[in-house]
PDB file of all heavy atoms in Angstrom:
ATOM      1  N   VAL A   1     -65.856 -31.132 -36.177  1.00  0.00           N
ATOM      2  CA  VAL A   1     -65.154 -29.975 -35.757  1.00  0.00           C
ATOM      3  C   VAL A   1     -64.941 -29.039 -36.898  1.00  0.00           C
ATOM      4  O   VAL A   1     -65.098 -27.841 -36.783  1.00  0.00           O
ATOM      5  CB  VAL A   1     -63.865 -30.340 -35.057  1.00  0.00           C
ATOM      6  CG1 VAL A   1     -62.998 -29.149 -34.759  1.00  0.00           C
ATOM      7  CG2 VAL A   1     -64.142 -31.061 -33.770  1.00  0.00           C
ATOM      8  N   GLN A   2     -64.461 -29.618 -38.050  1.00  0.00           N
ATOM      9  CA  GLN A   2     -64.225 -28.786 -39.207  1.00  0.00           C
ATOM     10  C   GLN A   2     -65.442 -28.002 -39.669  1.00  0.00           C
ATOM     11  O   GLN A   2     -65.324 -26.821 -39.922  1.00  0.00           O
ATOM     12  CB  GLN A   2     -63.796 -29.644 -40.330  1.00  0.00           C
ATOM     13  CG  GLN A   2     -63.420 -28.944 -41.618  1.00  0.00           C
ATOM     14  CD  GLN A   2     -63.434 -29.892 -42.864  1.00  0.00           C
ATOM     15  OE1 GLN A   2     -64.492 -30.480 -43.233  1.00  0.00           O
ATOM     16  NE2 GLN A   2     -62.261 -30.014 -43.500  1.00  0.00           N
ATOM     17  N   ARG A   3     -66.618 -28.579 -39.718  1.00  0.00           N
ATOM     18  CA  ARG A   3     -67.870 -27.894 -40.095  1.00  0.00           C
ATOM     19  C   ARG A   3     -68.133 -26.809 -39.122  1.00  0.00           C
ATOM     20  O   ARG A   3     -68.587 -25.729 -39.511  1.00  0.00           O
ATOM     21  CB  ARG A   3     -69.053 -28.932 -40.126  1.00  0.00           C
ATOM     22  CG  ARG A   3     -69.077 -29.824 -41.298  1.00  0.00           C
ATOM     23  CD  ARG A   3     -70.449 -30.595 -41.369  1.00  0.00           C
ATOM     24  NE  ARG A   3     -71.557 -29.767 -41.519  1.00  0.00           N
ATOM     25  CZ  ARG A   3     -71.999 -29.293 -42.670  1.00  0.00           C
ATOM     26  NH1 ARG A   3     -71.400 -29.628 -43.717  1.00  0.00           N
ATOM     27  NH2 ARG A   3     -73.101 -28.514 -42.755  1.00  0.00           N
ATOM     28  N   ARG A   4     -67.951 -27.053 -37.784  1.00  0.00           N
ATOM     29  CA  ARG A   4     -68.209 -26.011 -36.833  1.00  0.00           C
ATOM     30  C   ARG A   4     -67.357 -24.718 -37.086  1.00  0.00           C
ATOM     31  O   ARG A   4     -67.917 -23.615 -36.986  1.00  0.00           O
ATOM     32  CB  ARG A   4     -67.917 -26.567 -35.462  1.00  0.00           C
ATOM     33  CG  ARG A   4     -68.442 -25.746 -34.287  1.00  0.00           C
ATOM     34  CD  ARG A   4     -68.160 -26.503 -32.976  1.00  0.00           C
ATOM     35  NE  ARG A   4     -68.971 -27.673 -32.781  1.00  0.00           N
ATOM     36  CZ  ARG A   4     -70.270 -27.716 -32.457  1.00  0.00           C
ATOM     37  NH1 ARG A   4     -70.897 -26.522 -32.194  1.00  0.00           N
ATOM     38  NH2 ARG A   4     -70.956 -28.757 -32.264  1.00  0.00           N
ATOM     39  N   VAL A   5     -66.106 -24.945 -37.345  1.00  0.00           N
ATOM     40  CA  VAL A   5     -65.219 -23.800 -37.587  1.00  0.00           C
ATOM     41  C   VAL A   5     -65.615 -23.099 -38.842  1.00  0.00           C
ATOM     42  O   VAL A   5     -65.645 -21.851 -38.946  1.00  0.00           O
ATOM     43  CB  VAL A   5     -63.767 -24.247 -37.483  1.00  0.00           C
ATOM     44  CG1 VAL A   5     -62.808 -23.043 -37.907  1.00  0.00           C
ATOM     45  CG2 VAL A   5     -63.339 -24.817 -36.192  1.00  0.00           C
ATOM     46  N   LEU A   6     -65.832 -23.909 -39.937  1.00  0.00           N
ATOM     47  CA  LEU A   6     -66.096 -23.362 -41.243  1.00  0.00           C
ATOM     48  C   LEU A   6     -67.400 -22.493 -41.236  1.00  0.00           C
ATOM     49  O   LEU A   6     -67.514 -21.535 -41.895  1.00  0.00           O
ATOM     50  CB  LEU A   6     -66.158 -24.402 -42.299  1.00  0.00           C
ATOM     51  CG  LEU A   6     -64.849 -25.126 -42.669  1.00  0.00           C
ATOM     52  CD1 LEU A   6     -65.076 -26.188 -43.732  1.00  0.00           C
ATOM     53  CD2 LEU A   6     -63.817 -24.029 -43.210  1.00  0.00           C
ATOM     54  N   ARG A   7     -68.323 -23.005 -40.441  1.00  0.00           N
ATOM     55  CA  ARG A   7     -69.631 -22.185 -40.350  1.00  0.00           C
ATOM     56  C   ARG A   7     -69.374 -20.787 -39.793  1.00  0.00           C
ATOM     57  O   ARG A   7     -69.904 -19.823 -40.278  1.00  0.00           O
ATOM     58  CB  ARG A   7     -70.674 -22.929 -39.479  1.00  0.00           C
ATOM     59  CG  ARG A   7     -71.297 -24.115 -40.139  1.00  0.00           C
ATOM     60  CD  ARG A   7     -72.565 -24.557 -39.502  1.00  0.00           C
ATOM     61  NE  ARG A   7     -72.430 -24.704 -38.054  1.00  0.00           N
ATOM     62  CZ  ARG A   7     -72.039 -25.803 -37.476  1.00  0.00           C
ATOM     63  NH1 ARG A   7     -71.812 -26.917 -38.151  1.00  0.00           N
ATOM     64  NH2 ARG A   7     -71.946 -25.887 -36.110  1.00  0.00           N
ATOM     65  N   HIS A   8     -68.474 -20.761 -38.794  1.00  0.00           N
ATOM     66  CA  HIS A   8     -68.161 -19.399 -38.258  1.00  0.00           C
ATOM     67  C   HIS A   8     -67.356 -18.587 -39.283  1.00  0.00           C
ATOM     68  O   HIS A   8     -67.621 -17.353 -39.413  1.00  0.00           O
ATOM     69  CB  HIS A   8     -67.329 -19.587 -36.910  1.00  0.00           C
ATOM     70  CG  HIS A   8     -68.204 -19.991 -35.795  1.00  0.00           C
ATOM     71  ND1 HIS A   8     -69.137 -19.256 -35.176  1.00  0.00           N
ATOM     72  CD2 HIS A   8     -68.291 -21.136 -35.065  1.00  0.00           C
ATOM     73  CE1 HIS A   8     -69.816 -19.807 -34.195  1.00  0.00           C
ATOM     74  NE2 HIS A   8     -69.217 -21.025 -34.116  1.00  0.00           N
ATOM     75  N   LEU A   9     -66.408 -19.170 -39.922  1.00  0.00           N
ATOM     76  CA  LEU A   9     -65.644 -18.496 -40.920  1.00  0.00           C
ATOM     77  C   LEU A   9     -66.526 -17.942 -42.093  1.00  0.00           C
ATOM     78  O   LEU A   9     -66.308 -16.872 -42.683  1.00  0.00           O
ATOM     79  CB  LEU A   9     -64.537 -19.358 -41.452  1.00  0.00           C
ATOM     80  CG  LEU A   9     -63.321 -19.484 -40.574  1.00  0.00           C
ATOM     81  CD1 LEU A   9     -62.418 -20.608 -41.043  1.00  0.00           C
ATOM     82  CD2 LEU A   9     -62.547 -18.234 -40.379  1.00  0.00           C
ATOM     83  N   LEU A  10     -67.498 -18.703 -42.439  1.00  0.00           N
ATOM     84  CA  LEU A  10     -68.406 -18.387 -43.550  1.00  0.00           C
ATOM     85  C   LEU A  10     -69.556 -17.553 -43.154  1.00  0.00           C
ATOM     86  O   LEU A  10     -70.411 -17.146 -44.021  1.00  0.00           O
ATOM     87  CB  LEU A  10     -68.867 -19.648 -44.300  1.00  0.00           C
ATOM     88  CG  LEU A  10     -67.757 -20.510 -44.863  1.00  0.00           C
ATOM     89  CD1 LEU A  10     -68.356 -21.818 -45.428  1.00  0.00           C
ATOM     90  CD2 LEU A  10     -67.019 -19.713 -46.010  1.00  0.00           C
ATOM     91  N   GLY A  11     -69.776 -17.310 -41.826  1.00  0.00           N
ATOM     92  CA  GLY A  11     -70.873 -16.497 -41.312  1.00  0.00           C
ATOM     93  C   GLY A  11     -72.205 -17.288 -41.439  1.00  0.00           C
ATOM     94  O   GLY A  11     -73.208 -16.575 -41.528  1.00  0.00           O
ATOM     95  N   LEU A  12     -72.183 -18.574 -41.289  1.00  0.00           N
ATOM     96  CA  LEU A  12     -73.335 -19.376 -41.317  1.00  0.00           C
ATOM     97  C   LEU A  12     -73.892 -19.719 -39.966  1.00  0.00           C
ATOM     98  O   LEU A  12     -73.054 -19.793 -39.052  1.00  0.00           O
ATOM     99  CB  LEU A  12     -73.168 -20.679 -42.229  1.00  0.00           C
ATOM    100  CG  LEU A  12     -72.733 -20.440 -43.577  1.00  0.00           C
ATOM    101  CD1 LEU A  12     -72.474 -21.775 -44.281  1.00  0.00           C
ATOM    102  CD2 LEU A  12     -73.759 -19.606 -44.403  1.00  0.00           C
ATOM    103  N   GLY A  13     -75.165 -19.985 -39.794  1.00  0.00           N
ATOM    104  CA  GLY A  13     -75.736 -20.368 -38.550  1.00  0.00           C
ATOM    105  C   GLY A  13     -75.489 -21.857 -38.209  1.00  0.00           C
ATOM    106  O   GLY A  13     -74.874 -22.577 -39.021  1.00  0.00           O
ATOM    107  N   GLU A  14     -75.955 -22.250 -37.011  1.00  0.00           N
ATOM    108  CA  GLU A  14     -75.860 -23.642 -36.578  1.00  0.00           C
ATOM    109  C   GLU A  14     -76.556 -24.599 -37.498  1.00  0.00           C
ATOM    110  O   GLU A  14     -77.571 -24.297 -38.066  1.00  0.00           O
ATOM    111  CB  GLU A  14     -76.455 -23.688 -35.182  1.00  0.00           C
ATOM    112  CG  GLU A  14     -76.202 -24.979 -34.500  1.00  0.00           C
ATOM    113  CD  GLU A  14     -74.759 -25.151 -33.872  1.00  0.00           C
ATOM    114  OE1 GLU A  14     -74.394 -24.211 -33.104  1.00  0.00           O
ATOM    115  OE2 GLU A  14     -74.073 -26.140 -34.223  1.00  0.00           O
ATOM    116  N   ASP A  15     -75.904 -25.800 -37.691  1.00  0.00           N
ATOM    117  CA  ASP A  15     -76.660 -26.812 -38.490  1.00  0.00           C
ATOM    118  C   ASP A  15     -77.884 -27.227 -37.707  1.00  0.00           C
ATOM    119  O   ASP A  15     -77.878 -27.321 -36.504  1.00  0.00           O
ATOM    120  CB  ASP A  15     -75.734 -28.085 -38.564  1.00  0.00           C
ATOM    121  CG  ASP A  15     -74.760 -27.938 -39.756  1.00  0.00           C
ATOM    122  OD1 ASP A  15     -74.993 -27.059 -40.640  1.00  0.00           O
ATOM    123  OD2 ASP A  15     -73.826 -28.675 -39.827  1.00  0.00           O
ATOM    124  N   THR A  16     -78.982 -27.467 -38.327  1.00  0.00           N
ATOM    125  CA  THR A  16     -80.181 -27.920 -37.743  1.00  0.00           C
ATOM    126  C   THR A  16     -80.650 -29.165 -38.418  1.00  0.00           C
ATOM    127  O   THR A  16     -80.473 -29.390 -39.617  1.00  0.00           O
ATOM    128  CB  THR A  16     -81.281 -26.823 -37.818  1.00  0.00           C
ATOM    129  OG1 THR A  16     -81.562 -26.499 -39.114  1.00  0.00           O
ATOM    130  CG2 THR A  16     -80.871 -25.592 -36.970  1.00  0.00           C
ATOM    131  N   VAL A  17     -81.328 -30.005 -37.722  1.00  0.00           N
ATOM    132  CA  VAL A  17     -81.945 -31.240 -38.220  1.00  0.00           C
ATOM    133  C   VAL A  17     -83.469 -31.024 -38.227  1.00  0.00           C
ATOM    134  O   VAL A  17     -84.048 -30.949 -37.230  1.00  0.00           O
ATOM    135  CB  VAL A  17     -81.540 -32.425 -37.436  1.00  0.00           C
ATOM    136  CG1 VAL A  17     -82.148 -33.781 -37.994  1.00  0.00           C
ATOM    137  CG2 VAL A  17     -80.021 -32.687 -37.315  1.00  0.00           C
ATOM    138  N   GLN A  18     -84.028 -30.932 -39.409  1.00  0.00           N
ATOM    139  CA  GLN A  18     -85.483 -30.710 -39.547  1.00  0.00           C
ATOM    140  C   GLN A  18     -86.210 -32.045 -39.438  1.00  0.00           C
ATOM    141  O   GLN A  18     -86.001 -32.954 -40.228  1.00  0.00           O
ATOM    142  CB  GLN A  18     -85.782 -30.078 -40.858  1.00  0.00           C
ATOM    143  CG  GLN A  18     -85.080 -28.779 -41.150  1.00  0.00           C
ATOM    144  CD  GLN A  18     -85.560 -27.680 -40.207  1.00  0.00           C
ATOM    145  OE1 GLN A  18     -86.644 -27.659 -39.692  1.00  0.00           O
ATOM    146  NE2 GLN A  18     -84.602 -26.767 -39.875  1.00  0.00           N
ATOM    147  N   THR A  19     -87.030 -32.168 -38.319  1.00  0.00           N
ATOM    148  CA  THR A  19     -87.703 -33.477 -38.126  1.00  0.00           C
ATOM    149  C   THR A  19     -89.208 -33.363 -38.234  1.00  0.00           C
ATOM    150  O   THR A  19     -89.874 -34.328 -38.289  1.00  0.00           O
ATOM    151  CB  THR A  19     -87.421 -33.960 -36.742  1.00  0.00           C
ATOM    152  OG1 THR A  19     -87.720 -32.943 -35.789  1.00  0.00           O
ATOM    153  CG2 THR A  19     -85.893 -34.336 -36.595  1.00  0.00           C
ATOM    154  N   GLY A  20     -89.789 -32.124 -38.278  1.00  0.00           N
ATOM    155  CA  GLY A  20     -91.241 -32.008 -38.415  1.00  0.00           C
ATOM    156  C   GLY A  20     -91.932 -31.907 -37.016  1.00  0.00           C
ATOM    157  O   GLY A  20     -91.300 -31.913 -36.044  1.00  0.00           O
ATOM    158  N   ALA A  21     -93.287 -31.922 -37.127  1.00  0.00           N
ATOM    159  CA  ALA A  21     -93.990 -31.686 -35.847  1.00  0.00           C
ATOM    160  C   ALA A  21     -94.061 -32.955 -35.018  1.00  0.00           C
ATOM    161  O   ALA A  21     -93.947 -32.869 -33.743  1.00  0.00           O
ATOM    162  CB  ALA A  21     -95.441 -31.257 -36.187  1.00  0.00           C
ATOM    163  N   ALA A  22     -94.133 -34.104 -35.652  1.00  0.00           N
ATOM    164  CA  ALA A  22     -94.236 -35.365 -34.859  1.00  0.00           C
ATOM    165  C   ALA A  22     -92.855 -36.064 -34.968  1.00  0.00           C
ATOM    166  O   ALA A  22     -92.123 -35.889 -35.947  1.00  0.00           O
ATOM    167  CB  ALA A  22     -95.345 -36.254 -35.404  1.00  0.00           C
ATOM    168  N   PRO A  23     -92.529 -36.913 -33.965  1.00  0.00           N
ATOM    169  CA  PRO A  23     -91.247 -37.693 -34.062  1.00  0.00           C
ATOM    170  C   PRO A  23     -91.221 -38.572 -35.321  1.00  0.00           C
ATOM    171  O   PRO A  23     -92.208 -39.145 -35.687  1.00  0.00           O
ATOM    172  CB  PRO A  23     -91.238 -38.513 -32.804  1.00  0.00           C
ATOM    173  CG  PRO A  23     -92.129 -37.753 -31.871  1.00  0.00           C
ATOM    174  CD  PRO A  23     -93.200 -37.143 -32.709  1.00  0.00           C
ATOM    175  N   VAL A  24     -90.043 -38.701 -35.926  1.00  0.00           N
ATOM    176  CA  VAL A  24     -89.873 -39.438 -37.150  1.00  0.00           C
ATOM    177  C   VAL A  24     -88.677 -40.404 -37.008  1.00  0.00           C
ATOM    178  O   VAL A  24     -87.890 -40.302 -36.065  1.00  0.00           O
ATOM    179  CB  VAL A  24     -89.608 -38.443 -38.413  1.00  0.00           C
ATOM    180  CG1 VAL A  24     -90.796 -37.574 -38.608  1.00  0.00           C
ATOM    181  CG2 VAL A  24     -88.377 -37.607 -38.079  1.00  0.00           C
ATOM    182  N   ILE A  25     -88.684 -41.313 -38.020  1.00  0.00           N
ATOM    183  CA  ILE A  25     -87.443 -42.108 -38.199  1.00  0.00           C
ATOM    184  C   ILE A  25     -86.569 -41.379 -39.190  1.00  0.00           C
ATOM    185  O   ILE A  25     -86.915 -41.150 -40.344  1.00  0.00           O
ATOM    186  CB  ILE A  25     -87.771 -43.537 -38.787  1.00  0.00           C
ATOM    187  CG1 ILE A  25     -88.630 -44.272 -37.728  1.00  0.00           C
ATOM    188  CG2 ILE A  25     -86.529 -44.329 -39.023  1.00  0.00           C
ATOM    189  CD1 ILE A  25     -89.243 -45.543 -38.294  1.00  0.00           C
ATOM    190  N   LEU A  26     -85.421 -40.861 -38.714  1.00  0.00           N
ATOM    191  CA  LEU A  26     -84.536 -40.019 -39.562  1.00  0.00           C
ATOM    192  C   LEU A  26     -83.604 -40.931 -40.446  1.00  0.00           C
ATOM    193  O   LEU A  26     -82.995 -41.864 -39.925  1.00  0.00           O
ATOM    194  CB  LEU A  26     -83.747 -39.082 -38.670  1.00  0.00           C
ATOM    195  CG  LEU A  26     -83.082 -37.868 -39.307  1.00  0.00           C
ATOM    196  CD1 LEU A  26     -84.205 -36.928 -39.732  1.00  0.00           C
ATOM    197  CD2 LEU A  26     -82.089 -37.174 -38.353  1.00  0.00           C
ATOM    198  N   LEU A  27     -83.449 -40.519 -41.664  1.00  0.00           N
ATOM    199  CA  LEU A  27     -82.682 -41.236 -42.566  1.00  0.00           C
ATOM    200  C   LEU A  27     -81.599 -40.183 -43.103  1.00  0.00           C
ATOM    201  O   LEU A  27     -81.929 -39.057 -43.417  1.00  0.00           O
ATOM    202  CB  LEU A  27     -83.442 -41.795 -43.739  1.00  0.00           C
ATOM    203  CG  LEU A  27     -84.651 -42.648 -43.440  1.00  0.00           C
ATOM    204  CD1 LEU A  27     -85.310 -43.151 -44.710  1.00  0.00           C
ATOM    205  CD2 LEU A  27     -84.321 -43.793 -42.536  1.00  0.00           C
ATOM    206  N   ALA A  28     -80.267 -40.620 -43.138  1.00  0.00           N
ATOM    207  CA  ALA A  28     -79.249 -39.633 -43.541  1.00  0.00           C
ATOM    208  C   ALA A  28     -78.045 -40.482 -44.065  1.00  0.00           C
ATOM    209  O   ALA A  28     -77.835 -41.647 -43.728  1.00  0.00           O
ATOM    210  CB  ALA A  28     -78.849 -38.879 -42.312  1.00  0.00           C
ATOM    211  N   PRO A  29     -77.205 -39.748 -44.841  1.00  0.00           N
ATOM    212  CA  PRO A  29     -75.958 -40.370 -45.201  1.00  0.00           C
ATOM    213  C   PRO A  29     -75.181 -40.731 -43.975  1.00  0.00           C
ATOM    214  O   PRO A  29     -74.598 -41.867 -43.891  1.00  0.00           O
ATOM    215  CB  PRO A  29     -75.228 -39.277 -46.004  1.00  0.00           C
ATOM    216  CG  PRO A  29     -76.318 -38.384 -46.542  1.00  0.00           C
ATOM    217  CD  PRO A  29     -77.303 -38.489 -45.411  1.00  0.00           C
ATOM    218  N   ASP A  30     -75.066 -39.808 -43.034  1.00  0.00           N
ATOM    219  CA  ASP A  30     -74.362 -40.053 -41.747  1.00  0.00           C
ATOM    220  C   ASP A  30     -74.838 -38.940 -40.818  1.00  0.00           C
ATOM    221  O   ASP A  30     -75.388 -37.883 -41.272  1.00  0.00           O
ATOM    222  CB  ASP A  30     -72.852 -40.073 -41.900  1.00  0.00           C
ATOM    223  CG  ASP A  30     -72.220 -40.769 -40.731  1.00  0.00           C
ATOM    224  OD1 ASP A  30     -72.919 -41.268 -39.837  1.00  0.00           O
ATOM    225  OD2 ASP A  30     -70.955 -40.916 -40.740  1.00  0.00           O
ATOM    226  N   LEU A  31     -74.702 -39.078 -39.557  1.00  0.00           N
ATOM    227  CA  LEU A  31     -74.993 -38.042 -38.555  1.00  0.00           C
ATOM    228  C   LEU A  31     -73.733 -37.714 -37.780  1.00  0.00           C
ATOM    229  O   LEU A  31     -73.007 -38.717 -37.432  1.00  0.00           O
ATOM    230  CB  LEU A  31     -76.096 -38.482 -37.633  1.00  0.00           C
ATOM    231  CG  LEU A  31     -77.517 -38.540 -38.232  1.00  0.00           C
ATOM    232  CD1 LEU A  31     -78.496 -39.124 -37.224  1.00  0.00           C
ATOM    233  CD2 LEU A  31     -78.046 -37.138 -38.625  1.00  0.00           C
ATOM    234  N   THR A  32     -73.506 -36.516 -37.462  1.00  0.00           N
ATOM    235  CA  THR A  32     -72.294 -36.143 -36.581  1.00  0.00           C
ATOM    236  C   THR A  32     -72.782 -36.273 -35.133  1.00  0.00           C
ATOM    237  O   THR A  32     -73.945 -36.263 -34.864  1.00  0.00           O
ATOM    238  CB  THR A  32     -71.878 -34.633 -36.910  1.00  0.00           C
ATOM    239  OG1 THR A  32     -72.896 -33.834 -36.455  1.00  0.00           O
ATOM    240  CG2 THR A  32     -71.617 -34.439 -38.366  1.00  0.00           C
ATOM    241  N   PRO A  33     -71.809 -36.433 -34.250  1.00  0.00           N
ATOM    242  CA  PRO A  33     -72.190 -36.393 -32.829  1.00  0.00           C
ATOM    243  C   PRO A  33     -72.913 -35.150 -32.444  1.00  0.00           C
ATOM    244  O   PRO A  33     -73.818 -35.245 -31.627  1.00  0.00           O
ATOM    245  CB  PRO A  33     -70.740 -36.507 -32.117  1.00  0.00           C
ATOM    246  CG  PRO A  33     -69.901 -37.110 -33.092  1.00  0.00           C
ATOM    247  CD  PRO A  33     -70.316 -36.694 -34.535  1.00  0.00           C
ATOM    248  N   SER A  34     -72.561 -33.955 -33.019  1.00  0.00           N
ATOM    249  CA  SER A  34     -73.320 -32.741 -32.719  1.00  0.00           C
ATOM    250  C   SER A  34     -74.772 -32.859 -33.098  1.00  0.00           C
ATOM    251  O   SER A  34     -75.669 -32.409 -32.458  1.00  0.00           O
ATOM    252  CB  SER A  34     -72.659 -31.571 -33.381  1.00  0.00           C
ATOM    253  OG  SER A  34     -71.391 -31.319 -32.848  1.00  0.00           O
ATOM    254  N   ASP A  35     -75.045 -33.404 -34.338  1.00  0.00           N
ATOM    255  CA  ASP A  35     -76.395 -33.613 -34.845  1.00  0.00           C
ATOM    256  C   ASP A  35     -77.128 -34.398 -33.810  1.00  0.00           C
ATOM    257  O   ASP A  35     -78.243 -34.128 -33.374  1.00  0.00           O
ATOM    258  CB  ASP A  35     -76.401 -34.368 -36.139  1.00  0.00           C
ATOM    259  CG  ASP A  35     -75.911 -33.530 -37.344  1.00  0.00           C
ATOM    260  OD1 ASP A  35     -76.014 -32.207 -37.304  1.00  0.00           O
ATOM    261  OD2 ASP A  35     -75.472 -34.141 -38.355  1.00  0.00           O
ATOM    262  N   THR A  36     -76.558 -35.523 -33.404  1.00  0.00           N
ATOM    263  CA  THR A  36     -77.288 -36.514 -32.594  1.00  0.00           C
ATOM    264  C   THR A  36     -77.546 -35.967 -31.181  1.00  0.00           C
ATOM    265  O   THR A  36     -78.610 -36.173 -30.603  1.00  0.00           O
ATOM    266  CB  THR A  36     -76.442 -37.814 -32.530  1.00  0.00           C
ATOM    267  OG1 THR A  36     -76.042 -38.187 -33.791  1.00  0.00           O
ATOM    268  CG2 THR A  36     -77.329 -38.943 -31.860  1.00  0.00           C
ATOM    269  N   ALA A  37     -76.612 -35.116 -30.638  1.00  0.00           N
ATOM    270  CA  ALA A  37     -76.775 -34.614 -29.318  1.00  0.00           C
ATOM    271  C   ALA A  37     -77.856 -33.621 -29.237  1.00  0.00           C
ATOM    272  O   ALA A  37     -78.477 -33.398 -28.203  1.00  0.00           O
ATOM    273  CB  ALA A  37     -75.464 -34.024 -28.837  1.00  0.00           C
ATOM    274  N   ARG A  38     -78.220 -32.991 -30.388  1.00  0.00           N
ATOM    275  CA  ARG A  38     -79.304 -31.924 -30.403  1.00  0.00           C
ATOM    276  C   ARG A  38     -80.650 -32.633 -30.587  1.00  0.00           C
ATOM    277  O   ARG A  38     -81.648 -32.009 -30.435  1.00  0.00           O
ATOM    278  CB  ARG A  38     -79.066 -31.012 -31.510  1.00  0.00           C
ATOM    279  CG  ARG A  38     -78.044 -29.961 -31.308  1.00  0.00           C
ATOM    280  CD  ARG A  38     -78.082 -28.853 -32.337  1.00  0.00           C
ATOM    281  NE  ARG A  38     -77.596 -29.309 -33.593  1.00  0.00           N
ATOM    282  CZ  ARG A  38     -76.389 -29.226 -34.081  1.00  0.00           C
ATOM    283  NH1 ARG A  38     -75.455 -28.675 -33.205  1.00  0.00           N
ATOM    284  NH2 ARG A  38     -75.961 -29.677 -35.246  1.00  0.00           N
ATOM    285  N   LEU A  39     -80.701 -33.911 -30.799  1.00  0.00           N
ATOM    286  CA  LEU A  39     -81.964 -34.638 -30.985  1.00  0.00           C
ATOM    287  C   LEU A  39     -82.461 -35.215 -29.765  1.00  0.00           C
ATOM    288  O   LEU A  39     -81.737 -35.263 -28.766  1.00  0.00           O
ATOM    289  CB  LEU A  39     -81.846 -35.702 -32.103  1.00  0.00           C
ATOM    290  CG  LEU A  39     -81.369 -35.212 -33.484  1.00  0.00           C
ATOM    291  CD1 LEU A  39     -80.996 -36.315 -34.372  1.00  0.00           C
ATOM    292  CD2 LEU A  39     -82.570 -34.334 -34.048  1.00  0.00           C
ATOM    293  N   GLY A  40     -83.664 -35.781 -29.738  1.00  0.00           N
ATOM    294  CA  GLY A  40     -84.175 -36.392 -28.543  1.00  0.00           C
ATOM    295  C   GLY A  40     -85.455 -37.180 -28.844  1.00  0.00           C
ATOM    296  O   GLY A  40     -85.954 -37.017 -29.940  1.00  0.00           O
ATOM    297  N   PRO A  41     -85.970 -37.895 -27.908  1.00  0.00           N
ATOM    298  CA  PRO A  41     -87.215 -38.725 -28.147  1.00  0.00           C
ATOM    299  C   PRO A  41     -88.384 -37.860 -28.523  1.00  0.00           C
ATOM    300  O   PRO A  41     -89.370 -38.357 -29.106  1.00  0.00           O
ATOM    301  CB  PRO A  41     -87.394 -39.471 -26.789  1.00  0.00           C
ATOM    302  CG  PRO A  41     -86.089 -39.402 -26.056  1.00  0.00           C
ATOM    303  CD  PRO A  41     -85.370 -38.175 -26.582  1.00  0.00           C
ATOM    304  N   ASP A  42     -88.312 -36.547 -28.156  1.00  0.00           N
ATOM    305  CA  ASP A  42     -89.523 -35.711 -28.564  1.00  0.00           C
ATOM    306  C   ASP A  42     -89.539 -35.373 -30.089  1.00  0.00           C
ATOM    307  O   ASP A  42     -90.504 -34.955 -30.597  1.00  0.00           O
ATOM    308  CB  ASP A  42     -89.478 -34.388 -27.777  1.00  0.00           C
ATOM    309  CG  ASP A  42     -88.233 -33.656 -27.849  1.00  0.00           C
ATOM    310  OD1 ASP A  42     -87.167 -34.295 -28.056  1.00  0.00           O
ATOM    311  OD2 ASP A  42     -88.185 -32.438 -27.639  1.00  0.00           O
ATOM    312  N   THR A  43     -88.355 -35.459 -30.674  1.00  0.00           N
ATOM    313  CA  THR A  43     -88.283 -35.207 -32.158  1.00  0.00           C
ATOM    314  C   THR A  43     -87.961 -36.402 -32.973  1.00  0.00           C
ATOM    315  O   THR A  43     -88.091 -36.357 -34.206  1.00  0.00           O
ATOM    316  CB  THR A  43     -87.179 -34.111 -32.427  1.00  0.00           C
ATOM    317  OG1 THR A  43     -85.955 -34.657 -31.962  1.00  0.00           O
ATOM    318  CG2 THR A  43     -87.482 -32.835 -31.728  1.00  0.00           C
ATOM    319  N   LEU A  44     -87.499 -37.420 -32.376  1.00  0.00           N
ATOM    320  CA  LEU A  44     -86.929 -38.582 -33.140  1.00  0.00           C
ATOM    321  C   LEU A  44     -87.392 -39.872 -32.511  1.00  0.00           C
ATOM    322  O   LEU A  44     -87.339 -40.056 -31.255  1.00  0.00           O
ATOM    323  CB  LEU A  44     -85.404 -38.524 -33.101  1.00  0.00           C
ATOM    324  CG  LEU A  44     -84.617 -39.143 -34.191  1.00  0.00           C
ATOM    325  CD1 LEU A  44     -85.037 -38.388 -35.532  1.00  0.00           C
ATOM    326  CD2 LEU A  44     -83.135 -38.912 -34.002  1.00  0.00           C
ATOM    327  N   LEU A  45     -87.830 -40.865 -33.389  1.00  0.00           N
ATOM    328  CA  LEU A  45     -88.075 -42.198 -32.962  1.00  0.00           C
ATOM    329  C   LEU A  45     -86.872 -43.057 -33.032  1.00  0.00           C
ATOM    330  O   LEU A  45     -86.658 -43.965 -32.207  1.00  0.00           O
ATOM    331  CB  LEU A  45     -89.135 -42.771 -33.804  1.00  0.00           C
ATOM    332  CG  LEU A  45     -90.534 -42.141 -33.816  1.00  0.00           C
ATOM    333  CD1 LEU A  45     -91.457 -42.714 -34.908  1.00  0.00           C
ATOM    334  CD2 LEU A  45     -91.202 -42.341 -32.453  1.00  0.00           C
ATOM    335  N   GLY A  46     -85.993 -42.811 -33.944  1.00  0.00           N
ATOM    336  CA  GLY A  46     -84.730 -43.485 -34.145  1.00  0.00           C
ATOM    337  C   GLY A  46     -84.164 -43.011 -35.526  1.00  0.00           C
ATOM    338  O   GLY A  46     -84.646 -42.193 -36.184  1.00  0.00           O
ATOM    339  N   PHE A  47     -82.972 -43.664 -35.878  1.00  0.00           N
ATOM    340  CA  PHE A  47     -82.471 -43.273 -37.184  1.00  0.00           C
ATOM    341  C   PHE A  47     -81.729 -44.349 -37.853  1.00  0.00           C
ATOM    342  O   PHE A  47     -81.232 -45.338 -37.205  1.00  0.00           O
ATOM    343  CB  PHE A  47     -81.537 -41.991 -36.955  1.00  0.00           C
ATOM    344  CG  PHE A  47     -80.335 -42.232 -36.184  1.00  0.00           C
ATOM    345  CD1 PHE A  47     -79.173 -42.809 -36.745  1.00  0.00           C
ATOM    346  CD2 PHE A  47     -80.250 -41.740 -34.874  1.00  0.00           C
ATOM    347  CE1 PHE A  47     -78.011 -43.042 -35.982  1.00  0.00           C
ATOM    348  CE2 PHE A  47     -79.093 -41.974 -34.135  1.00  0.00           C
ATOM    349  CZ  PHE A  47     -77.921 -42.581 -34.703  1.00  0.00           C
TER     350      PHE A  47
END
């Protein structure tokens, strides 16, 4: 929630998860619920 509000205050766009053309196994320090909800089997194999 904090990141969402700060992006608006700082005039930044939506966070995006770059996965490439084919589905991948995503590796990250952590993922937010918002990150995960934007993903799907067409972009991601798992994480």
